[in-house]
Amino acid sequence: MTGNYADYALLKEDDPFEECKNWFWYGINADETYPKEVLEYLQELCDRIDRGEEKLIPVTIEDFREIEELLDVVTEEE
């Protein structure tokens, strides 16, 4: 930021409540909303993991680094 905050401040005639409310609803509309079924599936999956019913594949930092390197190679080829 350049320190030029004047355009981002509330003006004297602005109502802070209205400004806050409008930004709240803007933020709600900007987010992705998942269907209830997706959220219920994820919750059930977490419960199955906690109970040990799901097989987990351990991943290390080295695995992530290898994936990043592979992605870099693919990006360079394009």
N, C-alpha and C. Protein backbone atom coordinates (compact mmCIF):
# COMPACT_ATOMS: atom_id res chain seq x y z
N MET A 1 0.84 -1.17 0.00
CA MET A 1 0.00 0.00 0.00
C MET A 1 0.89 1.24 0.00
N THR A 2 0.41 2.26 -0.58
CA THR A 2 1.19 3.50 -0.70
C THR A 2 0.91 4.48 0.42
N GLY A 3 0.02 4.15 1.33
CA GLY A 3 -0.33 5.07 2.40
C GLY A 3 -1.50 5.96 2.02
N ASN A 4 -2.08 5.77 0.85
CA ASN A 4 -3.21 6.56 0.40
C ASN A 4 -4.49 5.85 0.82
N TYR A 5 -4.93 6.12 2.07
CA TYR A 5 -6.08 5.43 2.62
C TYR A 5 -7.37 6.23 2.51
N ALA A 6 -7.30 7.45 2.00
CA ALA A 6 -8.46 8.34 1.99
C ALA A 6 -9.66 7.71 1.29
N ASP A 7 -9.43 7.00 0.21
CA ASP A 7 -10.54 6.41 -0.54
C ASP A 7 -11.15 5.19 0.15
N TYR A 8 -10.48 4.69 1.19
CA TYR A 8 -10.96 3.49 1.87
C TYR A 8 -11.64 3.79 3.20
N ALA A 9 -11.61 5.03 3.65
CA ALA A 9 -12.19 5.42 4.93
C ALA A 9 -13.67 5.72 4.77
N LEU A 10 -14.38 5.59 5.89
CA LEU A 10 -15.78 5.98 5.90
C LEU A 10 -15.87 7.50 5.89
N LEU A 11 -16.80 8.01 5.13
CA LEU A 11 -17.04 9.44 5.13
C LEU A 11 -17.92 9.81 6.32
N LYS A 12 -17.95 11.08 6.68
CA LYS A 12 -18.76 11.51 7.82
C LYS A 12 -20.23 11.18 7.64
N GLU A 13 -20.71 11.23 6.40
CA GLU A 13 -22.13 10.95 6.17
C GLU A 13 -22.43 9.45 6.04
N ASP A 14 -21.41 8.60 6.05
CA ASP A 14 -21.62 7.15 5.96
C ASP A 14 -22.08 6.61 7.30
N ASP A 15 -22.96 5.63 7.25
CA ASP A 15 -23.43 4.95 8.46
C ASP A 15 -22.57 3.69 8.63
N PRO A 16 -21.76 3.61 9.70
CA PRO A 16 -20.88 2.44 9.88
C PRO A 16 -21.64 1.12 9.90
N PHE A 17 -22.84 1.11 10.51
CA PHE A 17 -23.64 -0.12 10.54
C PHE A 17 -24.01 -0.56 9.13
N GLU A 18 -24.49 0.38 8.33
CA GLU A 18 -24.87 0.05 6.95
C GLU A 18 -23.67 -0.44 6.16
N GLU A 19 -22.54 0.21 6.34
CA GLU A 19 -21.32 -0.18 5.63
C GLU A 19 -20.92 -1.60 6.02
N CYS A 20 -20.94 -1.89 7.30
CA CYS A 20 -20.59 -3.23 7.79
C CYS A 20 -21.55 -4.27 7.26
N LYS A 21 -22.86 -3.97 7.34
CA LYS A 21 -23.88 -4.90 6.86
C LYS A 21 -23.71 -5.18 5.37
N ASN A 22 -23.48 -4.15 4.59
CA ASN A 22 -23.31 -4.34 3.15
C ASN A 22 -22.09 -5.18 2.82
N TRP A 23 -20.98 -4.95 3.52
CA TRP A 23 -19.78 -5.75 3.27
C TRP A 23 -19.99 -7.20 3.72
N PHE A 24 -20.75 -7.39 4.80
CA PHE A 24 -21.07 -8.76 5.24
C PHE A 24 -21.79 -9.52 4.14
N TRP A 25 -22.85 -8.92 3.59
CA TRP A 25 -23.62 -9.61 2.56
C TRP A 25 -22.82 -9.77 1.27
N TYR A 26 -21.98 -8.81 0.98
CA TYR A 26 -21.11 -8.95 -0.19
C TYR A 26 -20.19 -10.16 0.01
N GLY A 27 -19.60 -10.29 1.20
CA GLY A 27 -18.71 -11.40 1.50
C GLY A 27 -19.40 -12.74 1.44
N ILE A 28 -20.64 -12.80 1.91
CA ILE A 28 -21.41 -14.05 1.84
C ILE A 28 -21.62 -14.45 0.39
N ASN A 29 -21.95 -13.50 -0.45
CA ASN A 29 -22.21 -13.79 -1.86
C ASN A 29 -20.93 -14.15 -2.61
N ALA A 30 -19.78 -13.66 -2.15
CA ALA A 30 -18.53 -13.91 -2.85
C ALA A 30 -17.97 -15.31 -2.54
N ASP A 31 -18.36 -15.89 -1.41
CA ASP A 31 -17.85 -17.20 -1.03
C ASP A 31 -18.59 -18.30 -1.78
N GLU A 32 -17.89 -19.43 -1.93
CA GLU A 32 -18.56 -20.60 -2.50
C GLU A 32 -19.43 -21.22 -1.41
N THR A 33 -20.61 -21.62 -1.78
CA THR A 33 -21.51 -22.27 -0.84
C THR A 33 -21.69 -23.71 -1.30
N TYR A 34 -21.38 -24.63 -0.39
CA TYR A 34 -21.48 -26.04 -0.73
C TYR A 34 -22.84 -26.58 -0.30
N PRO A 35 -23.38 -27.52 -1.04
CA PRO A 35 -24.66 -28.12 -0.65
C PRO A 35 -24.53 -28.84 0.69
N LYS A 36 -25.63 -28.96 1.38
CA LYS A 36 -25.67 -29.63 2.69
C LYS A 36 -25.12 -31.05 2.59
N GLU A 37 -25.41 -31.74 1.49
CA GLU A 37 -24.96 -33.13 1.33
C GLU A 37 -23.43 -33.22 1.31
N VAL A 38 -22.78 -32.25 0.69
CA VAL A 38 -21.32 -32.26 0.63
C VAL A 38 -20.75 -32.10 2.04
N LEU A 39 -21.29 -31.16 2.79
CA LEU A 39 -20.81 -30.94 4.15
C LEU A 39 -21.08 -32.14 5.04
N GLU A 40 -22.23 -32.77 4.89
CA GLU A 40 -22.52 -33.97 5.67
C GLU A 40 -21.58 -35.11 5.29
N TYR A 41 -21.26 -35.25 4.00
CA TYR A 41 -20.31 -36.28 3.56
C TYR A 41 -18.95 -36.04 4.19
N LEU A 42 -18.48 -34.79 4.18
CA LEU A 42 -17.17 -34.48 4.76
C LEU A 42 -17.14 -34.75 6.26
N GLN A 43 -18.24 -34.41 6.95
CA GLN A 43 -18.30 -34.67 8.38
C GLN A 43 -18.26 -36.17 8.66
N GLU A 44 -19.02 -36.95 7.87
CA GLU A 44 -19.01 -38.40 8.05
C GLU A 44 -17.63 -38.98 7.73
N LEU A 45 -16.97 -38.46 6.71
CA LEU A 45 -15.62 -38.91 6.38
C LEU A 45 -14.66 -38.65 7.54
N CYS A 46 -14.75 -37.47 8.14
CA CYS A 46 -13.91 -37.15 9.30
C CYS A 46 -14.19 -38.11 10.45
N ASP A 47 -15.47 -38.41 10.67
CA ASP A 47 -15.84 -39.35 11.74
C ASP A 47 -15.26 -40.74 11.46
N ARG A 48 -15.33 -41.20 10.20
CA ARG A 48 -14.77 -42.52 9.85
C ARG A 48 -13.25 -42.52 10.03
N ILE A 49 -12.59 -41.42 9.70
CA ILE A 49 -11.14 -41.34 9.91
C ILE A 49 -10.84 -41.41 11.40
N ASP A 50 -11.60 -40.66 12.21
CA ASP A 50 -11.38 -40.70 13.66
C ASP A 50 -11.58 -42.09 14.24
N ARG A 51 -12.51 -42.86 13.68
CA ARG A 51 -12.78 -44.22 14.16
C ARG A 51 -11.80 -45.24 13.58
N GLY A 52 -10.94 -44.82 12.64
CA GLY A 52 -9.97 -45.73 12.05
C GLY A 52 -10.54 -46.58 10.94
N GLU A 53 -11.69 -46.20 10.40
CA GLU A 53 -12.34 -46.99 9.36
C GLU A 53 -11.86 -46.65 7.95
N GLU A 54 -11.14 -45.56 7.80
CA GLU A 54 -10.62 -45.15 6.49
C GLU A 54 -9.12 -45.39 6.44
N LYS A 55 -8.66 -45.96 5.34
CA LYS A 55 -7.23 -46.17 5.16
C LYS A 55 -6.60 -44.84 4.74
N LEU A 56 -5.60 -44.40 5.49
CA LEU A 56 -4.92 -43.15 5.19
C LEU A 56 -3.56 -43.44 4.58
N ILE A 57 -3.15 -42.60 3.69
CA ILE A 57 -1.84 -42.73 3.04
C ILE A 57 -0.95 -41.65 3.61
N PRO A 58 0.11 -42.02 4.32
CA PRO A 58 0.99 -41.00 4.90
C PRO A 58 1.72 -40.22 3.80
N VAL A 59 1.84 -38.92 3.99
CA VAL A 59 2.52 -38.05 3.04
C VAL A 59 3.55 -37.24 3.82
N THR A 60 4.76 -37.16 3.27
CA THR A 60 5.83 -36.41 3.92
C THR A 60 6.08 -35.10 3.17
N ILE A 61 6.87 -34.25 3.78
CA ILE A 61 7.27 -32.99 3.14
C ILE A 61 8.00 -33.29 1.84
N GLU A 62 8.80 -34.34 1.83
CA GLU A 62 9.53 -34.70 0.61
C GLU A 62 8.56 -35.05 -0.52
N ASP A 63 7.46 -35.69 -0.18
CA ASP A 63 6.45 -36.01 -1.19
C ASP A 63 5.88 -34.73 -1.81
N PHE A 64 5.59 -33.74 -0.96
CA PHE A 64 5.09 -32.47 -1.47
C PHE A 64 6.12 -31.77 -2.35
N ARG A 65 7.38 -31.84 -1.94
CA ARG A 65 8.44 -31.21 -2.75
C ARG A 65 8.55 -31.89 -4.12
N GLU A 66 8.43 -33.21 -4.14
CA GLU A 66 8.48 -33.94 -5.41
C GLU A 66 7.31 -33.55 -6.30
N ILE A 67 6.14 -33.42 -5.70
CA ILE A 67 4.96 -32.99 -6.48
C ILE A 67 5.19 -31.59 -7.04
N GLU A 68 5.72 -30.68 -6.23
CA GLU A 68 6.00 -29.32 -6.71
C GLU A 68 6.99 -29.34 -7.87
N GLU A 69 8.03 -30.16 -7.75
CA GLU A 69 9.01 -30.26 -8.83
C GLU A 69 8.36 -30.80 -10.11
N LEU A 70 7.52 -31.80 -9.98
CA LEU A 70 6.82 -32.34 -11.14
C LEU A 70 5.92 -31.30 -11.77
N LEU A 71 5.22 -30.54 -10.95
CA LEU A 71 4.36 -29.48 -11.48
C LEU A 71 5.17 -28.40 -12.17
N ASP A 72 6.34 -28.07 -11.62
CA ASP A 72 7.21 -27.08 -12.27
C ASP A 72 7.65 -27.56 -13.64
N VAL A 73 7.97 -28.85 -13.75
CA VAL A 73 8.40 -29.41 -15.04
C VAL A 73 7.26 -29.34 -16.04
N VAL A 74 6.06 -29.70 -15.62
CA VAL A 74 4.91 -29.66 -16.52
C VAL A 74 4.64 -28.22 -16.97
N THR A 75 4.73 -27.27 -16.05
CA THR A 75 4.49 -25.87 -16.38
C THR A 75 5.52 -25.35 -17.36
N GLU A 76 6.77 -25.75 -17.19
CA GLU A 76 7.84 -25.29 -18.10
C GLU A 76 7.65 -25.86 -19.49
N GLU A 77 7.11 -27.06 -19.61
CA GLU A 77 6.94 -27.69 -20.91
C GLU A 77 5.82 -27.04 -21.71
N GLU A 78 4.84 -26.45 -21.03
CA GLU A 78 3.71 -25.84 -21.73
C GLU A 78 4.14 -24.55 -22.31
